[in-house]
Amino acid sequence: MKKISLLLLLCSLVIICSEGNCDNLDEEIVKNKVFLKQSYNDFNQNLFFTSKAQFERLLSFNKKIYLLNYYIALSDLYISLTKDSKDEKEKYLNQGIELLEESCVLNKDFSESYVLLAYIYNLKVSCGDDPVSLMKKATVTLKTAEKIAPNNPRLYYLRGISNMYTPEVFGGGLDKALADFNLAILNFKKYKITDNTLPDWGFDETYYYMAQIYERQNDIVKADFYYSKSFEINPNFGLLKNITYPKFSLKRFKGISISPLGGEILPDNNLIVVIKHLVAKEIRYTLDGSDPEYNSSKYTSPITIDKSCVLKVRAFFDEEHFTDILSANYVVKKLVDNQYKLEKSNFSSGLSYSYYEETWKNLPDFKLYKEIKSSTVKGISLDVRKRESNFGIVYNGFLEILEGDAYCFYLTSDDGSKLYIDDELVIVNDGIHDSMTLAFQKVLSKGKHKIRLEYFQRGADMSLKLEYESKKIKRQVIPNSFFLY
């Protein structure tokens, strides 16, 4: 009997709500808006589904259907962005289109529905289905939105995104996108929301995409400025905080390279050092160990080093924006007989290796892990691996040097690697990264020199290559015939 009474009570509540007598609908919309924004900050598919369900539940109020459809469609749009499958993307975009087309009928004066509908039409173009027709629909729909509310900031924000990803030959381009984004910002600043149930998203994203354009154009100062503005508006913007800005920071604060990154120089000889930065306006350096300032020596061509020194380098975007300092030590060293004491007299061609399987972000202390396999190999090769990701290899042996000289070693890897010569760590190319080359020059006498090479692969592409050169040897991969164990 109690269950029947409870059921009747619930039914009566639904009836009352459906008649439009519930006063807390607006409060629920605002609360769910906040949750949807948090879901976007985390960019979490499960949270998007929860947000969608929350707005769908509010449809039982039978009020503001056009607005609830809008937020359900916005949730569908976000869900589509988390999908890899074309069919899955299209499924949620189509659901969003259906809801927004209904909203446009229910409230012909609500410009937000037209703006979001045009955006979804543009997103559907990437699915490859009738792009010409979809682009025409998007253009017409945006014009309708502009007639209704010419000062809607999201109108210009979404138009900017469209132009950003449309080539100039097709009427888009970065300059047009920047003009649209500037109009969006102008209108966001003027935009005074009086009804908290209405859409208010997009201001932080407008600054974000402006920064993206300037980063593409290698204008690091402006990119950094607009990323910072986006952070000011939304400190929890997950895409910016967790993915985009950390990558940008490598370009903004690091990204500088010295080759070779330190080494030994024979007396009365010199070493040519090349410094690079992808996007910096200019590079300043010192050779006395002091920190480079904006008025320090300007790098214009490779530096010739013929004495012991500490090279310090910093890239400048302008006087107030610069990278971290990168240092390299160079030491004059005489050529002496091989001081490395060999523990054996009989050698075989090739290298010994140990193979490991584990997940790392950096090279570990391999002594703490149990090897999966150990054997010998003709030279440095990744063919000994048993899988495509999450493994490590340590190569050990000796390098035969036929003539004493200064040898520059180049270690290229994706992901991390380290090179030891005669038990000295000479190159650290560690961490998860794309294929990258670091160099170090070492004075070596004639004879056998102990060599150890550590490598790990986390995922995606992989590579490992060890080269050397001297005055008489052109830069080349070290031949397998010079490896011994």
Protein backbone atom coordinates (compact mmCIF):
# COMPACT_ATOMS: atom_id res chain seq x y z
CA MET A 1 0.00 0.00 0.00
CA LYS A 2 2.90 2.35 0.84
CA LYS A 3 4.49 1.63 -2.57
CA ILE A 4 1.24 2.52 -4.38
CA SER A 5 0.94 5.78 -2.42
CA LEU A 6 4.54 6.69 -3.22
CA LEU A 7 4.00 5.97 -6.91
CA LEU A 8 0.88 8.15 -6.96
CA LEU A 9 2.83 10.95 -5.27
CA LEU A 10 5.58 10.77 -7.89
CA CYS A 11 3.05 10.76 -10.73
CA SER A 12 1.33 13.80 -9.29
CA LEU A 13 4.64 15.64 -9.08
CA VAL A 14 5.37 14.88 -12.72
CA ILE A 15 1.89 16.12 -13.71
CA ILE A 16 2.36 19.33 -11.74
CA CYS A 17 5.76 19.87 -13.35
CA SER A 18 4.39 19.17 -16.82
CA GLU A 19 1.75 21.83 -16.29
CA GLY A 20 4.55 24.34 -15.77
CA ASN A 21 4.11 24.86 -12.05
CA CYS A 22 7.64 23.89 -10.96
CA ASP A 23 9.62 26.97 -9.96
CA ASN A 24 13.02 25.30 -9.74
CA LEU A 25 13.52 24.55 -13.46
CA ASP A 26 15.77 27.59 -13.93
CA GLU A 27 17.83 26.60 -10.90
CA GLU A 28 18.26 23.09 -12.35
CA ILE A 29 19.33 24.46 -15.75
CA VAL A 30 21.94 26.72 -14.15
CA LYS A 31 23.24 23.87 -12.00
CA ASN A 32 23.48 21.55 -15.02
CA LYS A 33 25.16 24.31 -17.06
CA VAL A 34 27.91 24.46 -14.45
CA PHE A 35 28.27 20.68 -14.53
CA LEU A 36 28.51 20.69 -18.36
CA LYS A 37 31.28 23.31 -18.18
CA GLN A 38 33.18 21.20 -15.65
CA SER A 39 32.72 18.19 -17.92
CA TYR A 40 34.21 20.18 -20.80
CA ASN A 41 37.13 21.29 -18.64
CA ASP A 42 37.86 17.64 -17.83
CA PHE A 43 36.88 16.60 -21.37
CA ASN A 44 35.44 13.41 -19.93
CA GLN A 45 33.10 11.35 -22.12
CA ASN A 46 31.28 9.79 -19.15
CA LEU A 47 30.62 13.24 -17.67
CA PHE A 48 29.21 14.42 -21.01
CA PHE A 49 26.76 11.52 -20.98
CA THR A 50 25.78 12.37 -17.40
CA SER A 51 25.27 16.01 -18.35
CA LYS A 52 23.11 15.01 -21.32
CA ALA A 53 20.96 12.78 -19.11
CA GLN A 54 20.51 15.60 -16.58
CA PHE A 55 19.16 17.96 -19.24
CA GLU A 56 16.97 15.20 -20.73
CA ARG A 57 15.45 14.67 -17.29
CA LEU A 58 14.40 18.33 -17.23
CA LEU A 59 12.29 17.83 -20.38
CA SER A 60 9.60 16.42 -18.06
CA PHE A 61 9.01 19.99 -16.87
CA ASN A 62 7.56 20.67 -20.34
CA LYS A 63 8.99 24.20 -20.29
CA LYS A 64 11.82 25.85 -22.25
CA ILE A 65 12.08 22.79 -24.49
CA TYR A 66 14.04 24.84 -27.07
CA LEU A 67 16.68 25.70 -24.43
CA LEU A 68 16.95 22.17 -23.03
CA ASN A 69 17.29 20.82 -26.58
CA TYR A 70 20.13 23.29 -27.04
CA TYR A 71 22.08 21.97 -24.05
CA ILE A 72 21.39 18.34 -24.95
CA ALA A 73 22.69 19.08 -28.46
CA LEU A 74 25.75 20.79 -27.00
CA SER A 75 26.39 17.65 -24.92
CA ASP A 76 26.02 15.55 -28.09
CA LEU A 77 28.56 17.78 -29.84
CA TYR A 78 31.08 17.28 -27.02
CA ILE A 79 30.44 13.52 -27.02
CA SER A 80 31.11 13.41 -30.77
CA LEU A 81 34.52 15.03 -30.20
CA THR A 82 35.52 12.11 -27.96
CA LYS A 83 34.68 9.51 -30.62
CA ASP A 84 37.25 8.07 -33.03
CA SER A 85 34.77 6.21 -35.23
CA LYS A 86 33.23 8.23 -38.08
CA ASP A 87 29.89 6.47 -37.58
CA GLU A 88 29.89 7.23 -33.85
CA LYS A 89 30.76 10.89 -34.47
CA GLU A 90 28.02 11.18 -37.04
CA LYS A 91 25.47 9.51 -34.76
CA TYR A 92 25.78 12.19 -32.06
CA LEU A 93 26.09 15.07 -34.52
CA ASN A 94 22.86 13.94 -36.21
CA GLN A 95 21.13 13.78 -32.83
CA GLY A 96 22.28 17.33 -32.15
CA ILE A 97 21.03 18.54 -35.54
CA GLU A 98 17.61 17.01 -34.97
CA LEU A 99 17.27 18.68 -31.56
CA LEU A 100 18.44 22.09 -32.77
CA GLU A 101 16.21 22.06 -35.84
CA GLU A 102 13.30 21.46 -33.45
CA SER A 103 14.53 24.33 -31.23
CA CYS A 104 14.60 26.69 -34.22
CA VAL A 105 10.92 25.86 -34.84
CA LEU A 106 9.93 26.18 -31.17
CA ASN A 107 11.65 29.56 -30.75
CA LYS A 108 12.52 31.32 -34.01
CA ASP A 109 14.07 34.26 -32.14
CA PHE A 110 16.64 32.22 -30.18
CA SER A 111 19.84 32.87 -32.15
CA GLU A 112 21.93 30.45 -30.09
CA SER A 113 20.16 27.45 -31.66
CA TYR A 114 21.04 28.67 -35.16
CA VAL A 115 24.69 29.32 -34.22
CA LEU A 116 25.20 25.89 -32.68
CA LEU A 117 23.34 24.23 -35.56
CA ALA A 118 25.68 25.91 -38.08
CA TYR A 119 28.67 24.74 -36.04
CA ILE A 120 27.46 21.12 -36.11
CA TYR A 121 26.84 21.34 -39.86
CA ASN A 122 30.50 22.37 -40.23
CA LEU A 123 31.66 19.53 -38.00
CA LYS A 124 29.68 17.05 -40.12
CA VAL A 125 31.70 18.17 -43.15
CA SER A 126 34.70 16.33 -41.65
CA CYS A 127 32.64 13.10 -41.82
CA GLY A 128 32.72 13.44 -45.60
CA ASP A 129 28.99 13.32 -46.27
CA ASP A 130 27.81 15.88 -48.86
CA PRO A 131 30.19 18.67 -47.73
CA VAL A 132 28.96 21.23 -50.26
CA SER A 133 25.36 20.96 -49.07
CA LEU A 134 26.39 21.07 -45.40
CA MET A 135 28.56 24.16 -45.90
CA LYS A 136 25.70 25.94 -47.65
CA LYS A 137 23.37 25.03 -44.77
CA ALA A 138 25.94 26.31 -42.26
CA THR A 139 26.28 29.64 -44.13
CA VAL A 140 22.51 30.20 -44.37
CA THR A 141 21.97 29.23 -40.72
CA LEU A 142 24.69 31.61 -39.50
CA LYS A 143 23.18 34.46 -41.53
CA THR A 144 19.84 33.78 -39.88
CA ALA A 145 21.51 33.88 -36.46
CA GLU A 146 23.18 37.18 -37.35
CA LYS A 147 19.86 38.75 -38.37
CA ILE A 148 18.32 37.75 -35.04
CA ALA A 149 21.23 38.78 -32.80
CA PRO A 150 24.11 40.52 -34.62
CA ASN A 151 26.00 40.99 -31.34
CA ASN A 152 25.99 37.33 -30.29
CA PRO A 153 29.69 36.66 -29.49
CA ARG A 154 29.41 32.91 -30.21
CA LEU A 155 28.36 33.78 -33.75
CA TYR A 156 31.79 35.32 -34.44
CA TYR A 157 33.65 32.73 -32.36
CA LEU A 158 32.24 29.83 -34.41
CA ARG A 159 32.69 31.74 -37.67
CA GLY A 160 36.31 32.26 -36.66
CA ILE A 161 36.83 28.53 -36.13
CA SER A 162 35.29 27.84 -39.53
CA ASN A 163 37.64 30.32 -41.24
CA MET A 164 40.61 29.02 -39.26
CA TYR A 165 40.21 25.56 -40.76
CA THR A 166 39.11 26.70 -44.24
CA PRO A 167 41.93 27.42 -46.73
CA GLU A 168 42.12 30.92 -48.23
CA VAL A 169 41.34 29.57 -51.70
CA PHE A 170 37.95 28.47 -50.35
CA GLY A 171 37.20 31.79 -48.67
CA GLY A 172 38.71 31.17 -45.23
CA GLY A 173 42.17 31.77 -43.79
CA LEU A 174 43.90 32.80 -40.58
CA ASP A 175 43.52 36.56 -41.14
CA LYS A 176 39.75 36.23 -41.48
CA ALA A 177 39.66 33.97 -38.44
CA LEU A 178 41.56 36.54 -36.35
CA ALA A 179 39.14 39.27 -37.45
CA ASP A 180 36.19 37.10 -36.38
CA PHE A 181 37.80 36.23 -33.05
CA ASN A 182 38.47 39.91 -32.35
CA LEU A 183 34.78 40.66 -33.01
CA ALA A 184 33.85 37.79 -30.70
CA ILE A 185 36.04 39.20 -27.91
CA LEU A 186 34.58 42.67 -28.40
CA ASN A 187 31.06 41.28 -28.07
CA PHE A 188 31.93 38.97 -25.17
CA LYS A 189 33.14 42.04 -23.27
CA LYS A 190 29.90 43.87 -24.05
CA TYR A 191 27.77 40.78 -23.46
CA LYS A 192 25.73 41.22 -20.30
CA ILE A 193 23.77 38.12 -19.44
CA THR A 194 20.57 38.84 -17.52
CA ASP A 195 19.21 35.29 -17.56
CA ASN A 196 21.66 32.78 -16.13
CA THR A 197 19.94 29.89 -17.91
CA LEU A 198 21.17 31.20 -21.29
CA PRO A 199 24.46 30.08 -22.94
CA ASP A 200 27.57 31.97 -21.84
CA TRP A 201 30.40 29.71 -23.02
CA GLY A 202 33.13 30.44 -25.56
CA PHE A 203 35.05 33.45 -24.21
CA ASP A 204 38.01 31.38 -22.95
CA GLU A 205 37.99 29.28 -26.13
CA THR A 206 38.12 32.39 -28.33
CA TYR A 207 41.40 33.45 -26.72
CA TYR A 208 42.61 29.86 -26.96
CA TYR A 209 42.10 29.67 -30.74
CA MET A 210 43.66 33.11 -31.24
CA ALA A 211 46.73 31.79 -29.42
CA GLN A 212 46.67 28.71 -31.66
CA ILE A 213 46.83 30.92 -34.75
CA TYR A 214 49.76 32.96 -33.41
CA GLU A 215 51.57 29.78 -32.42
CA ARG A 216 51.13 28.51 -35.98
CA GLN A 217 52.67 31.77 -37.18
CA ASN A 218 55.55 31.34 -34.69
CA ASP A 219 54.61 34.57 -32.91
CA ILE A 220 55.40 33.14 -29.49
CA VAL A 221 54.89 36.38 -27.56
CA LYS A 222 51.33 36.89 -28.81
CA ALA A 223 50.53 33.19 -28.46
CA ASP A 224 51.67 33.28 -24.84
CA PHE A 225 49.62 36.43 -24.21
CA TYR A 226 46.38 34.93 -25.54
CA TYR A 227 46.91 31.58 -23.79
CA SER A 228 47.31 33.59 -20.59
CA LYS A 229 44.07 35.48 -21.27
CA SER A 230 42.29 32.15 -21.74
CA PHE A 231 43.71 30.96 -18.40
CA GLU A 232 42.50 34.16 -16.70
CA ILE A 233 38.92 33.48 -17.76
CA ASN A 234 39.01 29.75 -17.08
CA PRO A 235 41.90 28.48 -14.89
CA ASN A 236 40.49 24.93 -15.15
CA PHE A 237 40.45 24.75 -18.96
CA GLY A 238 41.65 21.15 -19.20
CA LEU A 239 42.65 21.07 -22.88
CA LEU A 240 44.83 24.14 -22.38
CA LYS A 241 46.17 23.27 -18.95
CA ASN A 242 46.93 19.58 -19.47
CA ILE A 243 47.77 19.24 -23.15
CA THR A 244 48.27 22.39 -25.22
CA TYR A 245 50.19 24.65 -22.83
CA PRO A 246 52.71 22.03 -21.64
CA LYS A 247 53.62 21.38 -25.29
CA PHE A 248 53.72 25.11 -25.99
CA SER A 249 55.95 25.63 -22.95
CA LEU A 250 58.59 23.38 -24.49
CA LYS A 251 58.68 25.75 -27.44
CA ARG A 252 58.29 28.86 -25.28
CA PHE A 253 60.79 28.09 -22.52
CA LYS A 254 62.97 25.32 -23.92
CA GLY A 255 63.32 24.10 -27.50
CA ILE A 256 66.91 25.34 -27.77
CA SER A 257 69.68 23.01 -28.92
CA ILE A 258 73.50 22.99 -28.94
CA SER A 259 75.44 20.55 -31.12
CA PRO A 260 77.65 19.05 -29.91
CA LEU A 261 76.31 19.51 -26.40
CA GLY A 262 79.74 19.59 -24.75
CA GLY A 263 82.87 17.54 -25.27
CA GLU A 264 86.62 17.28 -25.44
CA ILE A 265 88.96 19.15 -27.80
CA LEU A 266 92.50 18.23 -28.74
CA PRO A 267 95.17 20.92 -28.08
CA ASP A 268 95.72 23.25 -31.03
CA ASN A 269 92.42 22.07 -32.51
CA ASN A 270 88.93 23.55 -32.45
CA LEU A 271 85.31 22.47 -32.38
CA ILE A 272 82.50 24.03 -34.40
CA VAL A 273 79.32 24.44 -32.32
CA VAL A 274 75.88 25.03 -33.85
CA ILE A 275 73.01 26.56 -31.83
CA LYS A 276 69.38 26.38 -32.90
CA HIS A 277 65.93 27.41 -31.75
CA LEU A 278 62.81 26.81 -33.82
CA VAL A 279 61.08 30.15 -33.46
CA ALA A 280 63.09 32.59 -31.33
CA LYS A 281 63.86 36.02 -32.75
CA GLU A 282 67.50 35.81 -31.70
CA ILE A 283 69.94 33.78 -29.59
CA ARG A 284 72.43 35.23 -27.09
CA TYR A 285 75.36 33.37 -25.53
CA THR A 286 78.35 33.65 -23.21
CA LEU A 287 81.60 31.66 -22.96
CA ASP A 288 82.68 32.76 -19.48
CA GLY A 289 80.03 30.93 -17.45
CA SER A 290 77.84 33.99 -16.87
CA ASP A 291 74.12 33.96 -17.69
CA PRO A 292 73.27 35.39 -21.12
CA GLU A 293 71.36 38.68 -21.13
CA TYR A 294 69.69 40.61 -23.93
CA ASN A 295 72.94 42.52 -24.54
CA SER A 296 75.20 39.42 -24.55
CA SER A 297 76.91 38.19 -27.72
CA LYS A 298 74.43 37.50 -30.49
CA TYR A 299 74.59 34.16 -32.26
CA THR A 300 74.76 34.71 -36.02
CA SER A 301 76.86 31.76 -37.22
CA PRO A 302 78.47 28.60 -35.78
CA ILE A 303 80.89 29.26 -32.89
CA THR A 304 84.49 28.10 -33.00
CA ILE A 305 85.72 26.81 -29.63
CA ASP A 306 89.45 26.18 -29.13
CA LYS A 307 89.86 26.32 -25.35
CA SER A 308 88.19 25.02 -22.20
CA CYS A 309 85.01 26.98 -21.47
CA VAL A 310 81.39 26.87 -20.39
CA LEU A 311 78.96 27.87 -23.13
CA LYS A 312 75.63 29.22 -21.92
CA VAL A 313 72.82 29.94 -24.36
CA ARG A 314 69.41 31.59 -24.13
CA ALA A 315 66.92 32.35 -26.91
CA PHE A 316 65.00 35.66 -26.85
CA PHE A 317 61.59 36.43 -28.35
CA ASP A 318 61.96 40.01 -27.15
CA GLU A 319 63.67 41.66 -24.19
CA GLU A 320 61.14 40.34 -21.69
CA HIS A 321 60.39 36.90 -23.18
CA PHE A 322 63.15 34.29 -23.32
CA THR A 323 63.90 30.62 -22.84
CA ASP A 324 65.63 28.80 -20.03
CA ILE A 325 69.42 28.67 -20.18
CA LEU A 326 71.12 25.68 -21.80
CA SER A 327 74.76 25.02 -20.87
CA ALA A 328 77.55 22.93 -22.37
CA ASN A 329 81.08 22.25 -21.06
CA TYR A 330 84.08 21.99 -23.37
CA VAL A 331 87.50 20.79 -22.16
CA VAL A 332 90.86 20.70 -23.90
CA LYS A 333 92.29 17.19 -23.50
CA LYS A 334 95.53 15.64 -24.67
CA LEU A 335 95.53 12.38 -26.57
CA VAL A 336 97.09 9.70 -24.34
CA ASP A 337 97.30 5.94 -24.54
CA ASN A 338 94.14 4.07 -23.72
CA GLN A 339 93.81 4.17 -19.95
CA TYR A 340 90.87 1.77 -19.86
CA LYS A 341 91.95 -1.60 -18.44
CA LEU A 342 90.47 -4.51 -20.35
CA GLU A 343 89.25 -7.43 -18.28
CA LYS A 344 89.49 -9.87 -21.20
CA SER A 345 91.76 -10.57 -24.15
CA ASN A 346 89.50 -12.63 -26.43
CA PHE A 347 86.70 -10.81 -28.23
CA SER A 348 83.85 -11.69 -30.57
CA SER A 349 82.20 -9.46 -33.13
CA GLY A 350 79.00 -7.69 -32.05
CA LEU A 351 77.42 -6.57 -28.76
CA SER A 352 75.70 -8.29 -25.87
CA TYR A 353 72.27 -7.05 -24.92
CA SER A 354 69.60 -7.40 -22.24
CA TYR A 355 65.91 -6.96 -23.05
CA TYR A 356 63.25 -5.72 -20.58
CA GLU A 357 59.50 -5.11 -20.66
CA GLU A 358 57.98 -2.43 -18.47
CA THR A 359 56.23 0.96 -18.72
CA TRP A 360 58.54 3.93 -18.13
CA LYS A 361 58.54 7.68 -18.64
CA ASN A 362 62.33 7.86 -18.35
CA LEU A 363 65.19 5.41 -18.48
CA PRO A 364 65.23 3.39 -15.24
CA ASP A 365 68.00 1.82 -13.21
CA PHE A 366 67.90 -1.45 -15.13
CA LYS A 367 69.52 -3.30 -12.23
CA LEU A 368 66.15 -3.04 -10.45
CA TYR A 369 64.36 -4.99 -13.20
CA LYS A 370 64.51 -8.59 -14.30
CA GLU A 371 65.58 -9.05 -17.90
CA ILE A 372 63.23 -10.94 -20.22
CA LYS A 373 66.04 -12.06 -22.50
CA SER A 374 69.80 -11.65 -22.92
CA SER A 375 71.87 -12.57 -25.95
CA THR A 376 74.19 -11.07 -28.56
CA VAL A 377 73.54 -9.03 -31.66
CA LYS A 378 75.71 -7.87 -34.59
CA GLY A 379 75.13 -4.18 -33.85
CA ILE A 380 72.65 -1.69 -32.46
CA SER A 381 69.26 -2.86 -33.66
CA LEU A 382 65.68 -2.72 -32.38
CA ASP A 383 64.88 -5.99 -34.16
CA VAL A 384 65.60 -7.84 -30.90
CA ARG A 385 62.37 -6.45 -29.37
CA LYS A 386 59.42 -8.74 -28.69
CA ARG A 387 56.72 -6.07 -28.85
CA GLU A 388 56.10 -2.57 -30.18
CA SER A 389 55.82 -0.56 -26.96
CA ASN A 390 56.85 -0.46 -23.30
CA PHE A 391 60.22 -2.16 -23.56
CA GLY A 392 63.88 -1.40 -22.89
CA ILE A 393 67.20 -2.64 -24.25
CA VAL A 394 70.72 -2.29 -22.84
CA TYR A 395 73.66 -2.92 -25.19
CA ASN A 396 77.14 -3.61 -23.79
CA GLY A 397 80.48 -4.18 -25.46
CA PHE A 398 83.51 -2.40 -26.88
CA LEU A 399 84.14 0.02 -29.73
CA GLU A 400 87.30 -0.51 -31.74
CA ILE A 401 89.07 2.79 -32.51
CA LEU A 402 91.69 2.42 -35.26
CA GLU A 403 93.33 5.84 -34.86
CA GLY A 404 93.50 8.21 -31.89
CA ASP A 405 91.50 11.40 -32.49
CA ALA A 406 88.55 13.49 -31.32
CA TYR A 407 85.35 11.63 -32.24
CA CYS A 408 81.94 13.28 -32.27
CA PHE A 409 79.14 10.85 -31.40
CA TYR A 410 75.52 11.46 -32.50
CA LEU A 411 72.79 9.58 -30.65
CA THR A 412 69.32 9.65 -32.25
CA SER A 413 66.37 8.07 -30.48
CA ASP A 414 62.60 7.94 -30.05
CA ASP A 415 61.98 7.55 -27.10
CA GLY A 416 64.82 7.86 -24.52
CA SER A 417 68.47 6.83 -24.66
CA LYS A 418 71.83 7.23 -22.88
CA LEU A 419 75.38 6.59 -24.10
CA TYR A 420 78.34 5.66 -21.90
CA ILE A 421 81.94 5.49 -23.17
CA ASP A 422 84.60 4.03 -20.87
CA ASP A 423 82.02 4.18 -18.05
CA GLU A 424 81.50 7.94 -18.57
CA LEU A 425 77.96 9.14 -19.33
CA VAL A 426 78.45 11.31 -22.41
CA ILE A 427 74.96 11.71 -23.93
CA VAL A 428 71.58 11.88 -22.18
CA ASN A 429 68.72 11.82 -24.68
CA ASP A 430 66.16 10.68 -22.13
CA GLY A 431 62.38 10.98 -21.79
CA ILE A 432 59.37 10.42 -24.05
CA HIS A 433 59.89 12.38 -27.26
CA ASP A 434 59.89 12.27 -31.03
CA SER A 435 63.08 11.34 -32.86
CA MET A 436 65.81 13.65 -31.54
CA THR A 437 69.59 13.78 -31.98
CA LEU A 438 72.14 14.87 -29.36
CA ALA A 439 75.91 14.97 -29.89
CA PHE A 440 79.08 14.90 -27.76
CA GLN A 441 82.75 14.95 -28.74
CA LYS A 442 85.17 12.54 -27.04
CA VAL A 443 88.97 12.27 -27.40
CA LEU A 444 89.74 8.57 -27.84
CA SER A 445 93.08 6.80 -28.25
CA LYS A 446 93.67 3.85 -30.52
CA GLY A 447 92.29 0.61 -29.09
CA LYS A 448 89.14 -0.83 -27.55
CA HIS A 449 86.80 1.41 -25.56
CA LYS A 450 83.97 0.19 -23.40
CA ILE A 451 80.54 1.20 -24.64
CA ARG A 452 77.08 0.97 -23.09
CA LEU A 453 73.87 2.15 -24.73
CA GLU A 454 70.51 2.24 -22.88
CA TYR A 455 67.19 2.68 -24.67
CA PHE A 456 63.49 2.54 -23.89
CA GLN A 457 60.34 2.78 -26.03
CA ARG A 458 57.02 3.92 -24.57
CA GLY A 459 54.73 3.91 -27.62
CA ALA A 460 54.02 5.12 -31.17
CA ASP A 461 57.06 5.63 -33.43
CA MET A 462 60.47 4.28 -32.43
CA SER A 463 64.06 4.82 -33.58
CA LEU A 464 67.62 4.30 -32.37
CA LYS A 465 70.82 5.22 -34.22
CA LEU A 466 74.43 5.81 -33.14
CA GLU A 467 76.78 7.69 -35.49
CA TYR A 468 80.28 9.08 -35.25
CA GLU A 469 82.71 11.25 -37.16
CA SER A 470 86.27 12.53 -36.91
CA LYS A 471 88.61 14.54 -39.10
CA LYS A 472 89.22 11.48 -41.24
CA ILE A 473 85.83 9.78 -40.92
CA LYS A 474 82.74 11.25 -42.51
CA ARG A 475 79.65 11.22 -40.27
CA GLN A 476 78.16 7.73 -40.51
CA VAL A 477 76.40 5.00 -38.57
CA ILE A 478 79.08 3.10 -36.67
CA PRO A 479 79.74 -0.09 -38.67
CA ASN A 480 78.90 -3.35 -36.89
CA SER A 481 82.43 -4.59 -37.56
CA PHE A 482 83.79 -2.13 -34.97
CA PHE A 483 81.65 -3.54 -32.13
CA LEU A 484 83.10 -6.28 -29.91
CA TYR A 485 82.05 -8.17 -26.82
